[in-house]
Amino acid sequence: MSPSENILKLRKLTEEICNIEPSGDCVIEKLRTAIKNGTEDILSSKTERTKLKYYEKMFSEIKTIISEN
């Protein structure tokens, strides 16, 4: 007995999906990068004022990424 046409199509789509490379434009990756860079800046800050500035910058970047998508 051969598989139905729908099963064959499903198998083909599954193979295609599994072969897709993640895009550099992935929202999650952009968010991770913004948080990673922001965290590095915050941790290297000497004063509370500078830390606050970096928190604001990171928040702004995250907000921009979300609003673009």
C-alpha atoms as a PDB file:
ATOM      1  CA  MET A   1       0.000   0.000   0.000  1.00  0.00           C
ATOM      2  CA  SER A   2       1.417   3.411  -0.933  1.00  0.00           C
ATOM      3  CA  PRO A   3       1.107   6.520   1.247  1.00  0.00           C
ATOM      4  CA  SER A   4      -1.628   8.949   0.365  1.00  0.00           C
ATOM      5  CA  GLU A   5      -0.889  12.072  -1.645  1.00  0.00           C
ATOM      6  CA  ASN A   6      -1.350  14.265   1.462  1.00  0.00           C
ATOM      7  CA  ILE A   7       1.225  12.243   3.401  1.00  0.00           C
ATOM      8  CA  LEU A   8       3.709  12.590   0.535  1.00  0.00           C
ATOM      9  CA  LYS A   9       3.143  16.360   0.426  1.00  0.00           C
ATOM     10  CA  LEU A  10       3.536  16.567   4.205  1.00  0.00           C
ATOM     11  CA  ARG A  11       6.827  14.678   4.042  1.00  0.00           C
ATOM     12  CA  LYS A  12       8.103  16.994   1.318  1.00  0.00           C
ATOM     13  CA  LEU A  13       7.095  20.133   3.272  1.00  0.00           C
ATOM     14  CA  THR A  14       8.714  18.737   6.420  1.00  0.00           C
ATOM     15  CA  GLU A  15      11.980  18.190   4.557  1.00  0.00           C
ATOM     16  CA  GLU A  16      11.847  21.727   3.132  1.00  0.00           C
ATOM     17  CA  ILE A  17      11.165  23.284   6.538  1.00  0.00           C
ATOM     18  CA  CYS A  18      14.009  21.339   8.150  1.00  0.00           C
ATOM     19  CA  ASN A  19      16.443  22.576   5.499  1.00  0.00           C
ATOM     20  CA  ILE A  20      15.695  26.274   6.019  1.00  0.00           C
ATOM     21  CA  GLU A  21      18.634  28.158   7.489  1.00  0.00           C
ATOM     22  CA  PRO A  22      17.787  30.694  10.187  1.00  0.00           C
ATOM     23  CA  SER A  23      17.774  34.214   8.838  1.00  0.00           C
ATOM     24  CA  GLY A  24      20.039  36.930  10.193  1.00  0.00           C
ATOM     25  CA  ASP A  25      16.926  39.089  10.288  1.00  0.00           C
ATOM     26  CA  CYS A  26      15.255  36.842  12.834  1.00  0.00           C
ATOM     27  CA  VAL A  27      13.529  38.973  15.495  1.00  0.00           C
ATOM     28  CA  ILE A  28      14.713  36.717  18.308  1.00  0.00           C
ATOM     29  CA  GLU A  29      18.321  37.021  17.171  1.00  0.00           C
ATOM     30  CA  LYS A  30      18.036  40.811  16.953  1.00  0.00           C
ATOM     31  CA  LEU A  31      16.589  40.923  20.479  1.00  0.00           C
ATOM     32  CA  ARG A  32      19.322  38.629  21.813  1.00  0.00           C
ATOM     33  CA  THR A  33      21.998  40.808  20.241  1.00  0.00           C
ATOM     34  CA  ALA A  34      20.484  44.024  21.621  1.00  0.00           C
ATOM     35  CA  ILE A  35      20.234  42.537  25.113  1.00  0.00           C
ATOM     36  CA  LYS A  36      23.735  41.046  24.978  1.00  0.00           C
ATOM     37  CA  ASN A  37      25.313  44.307  23.828  1.00  0.00           C
ATOM     38  CA  GLY A  38      23.272  46.358  26.291  1.00  0.00           C
ATOM     39  CA  THR A  39      24.208  44.070  29.164  1.00  0.00           C
ATOM     40  CA  GLU A  40      27.899  44.328  28.317  1.00  0.00           C
ATOM     41  CA  ASP A  41      27.657  48.127  28.296  1.00  0.00           C
ATOM     42  CA  ILE A  42      25.731  48.187  31.570  1.00  0.00           C
ATOM     43  CA  LEU A  43      28.142  45.849  33.344  1.00  0.00           C
ATOM     44  CA  SER A  44      31.148  47.880  32.204  1.00  0.00           C
ATOM     45  CA  SER A  45      29.606  51.160  33.392  1.00  0.00           C
ATOM     46  CA  LYS A  46      31.201  52.958  36.307  1.00  0.00           C
ATOM     47  CA  THR A  47      28.346  55.199  37.431  1.00  0.00           C
ATOM     48  CA  GLU A  48      24.619  54.768  37.981  1.00  0.00           C
ATOM     49  CA  ARG A  49      23.934  57.572  35.524  1.00  0.00           C
ATOM     50  CA  THR A  50      25.849  55.777  32.766  1.00  0.00           C
ATOM     51  CA  LYS A  51      24.089  52.495  33.572  1.00  0.00           C
ATOM     52  CA  LEU A  52      20.735  54.220  33.302  1.00  0.00           C
ATOM     53  CA  LYS A  53      21.753  55.682  29.940  1.00  0.00           C
ATOM     54  CA  TYR A  54      22.623  52.198  28.651  1.00  0.00           C
ATOM     55  CA  TYR A  55      19.365  50.729  30.004  1.00  0.00           C
ATOM     56  CA  GLU A  56      17.450  53.448  28.153  1.00  0.00           C
ATOM     57  CA  LYS A  57      19.418  52.781  24.977  1.00  0.00           C
ATOM     58  CA  MET A  58      18.793  49.028  25.228  1.00  0.00           C
ATOM     59  CA  PHE A  59      15.076  49.591  25.843  1.00  0.00           C
ATOM     60  CA  SER A  60      14.911  51.879  22.828  1.00  0.00           C
ATOM     61  CA  GLU A  61      16.605  49.282  20.608  1.00  0.00           C
ATOM     62  CA  ILE A  62      14.253  46.533  21.809  1.00  0.00           C
ATOM     63  CA  LYS A  63      11.236  48.763  21.245  1.00  0.00           C
ATOM     64  CA  THR A  64      12.433  49.551  17.704  1.00  0.00           C
ATOM     65  CA  ILE A  65      12.976  45.879  16.881  1.00  0.00           C
ATOM     66  CA  ILE A  66       9.503  44.974  18.114  1.00  0.00           C
ATOM     67  CA  SER A  67       7.779  47.828  16.321  1.00  0.00           C
ATOM     68  CA  GLU A  68       9.478  46.939  13.021  1.00  0.00           C
ATOM     69  CA  ASN A  69       8.005  43.465  13.151  1.00  0.00           C
END
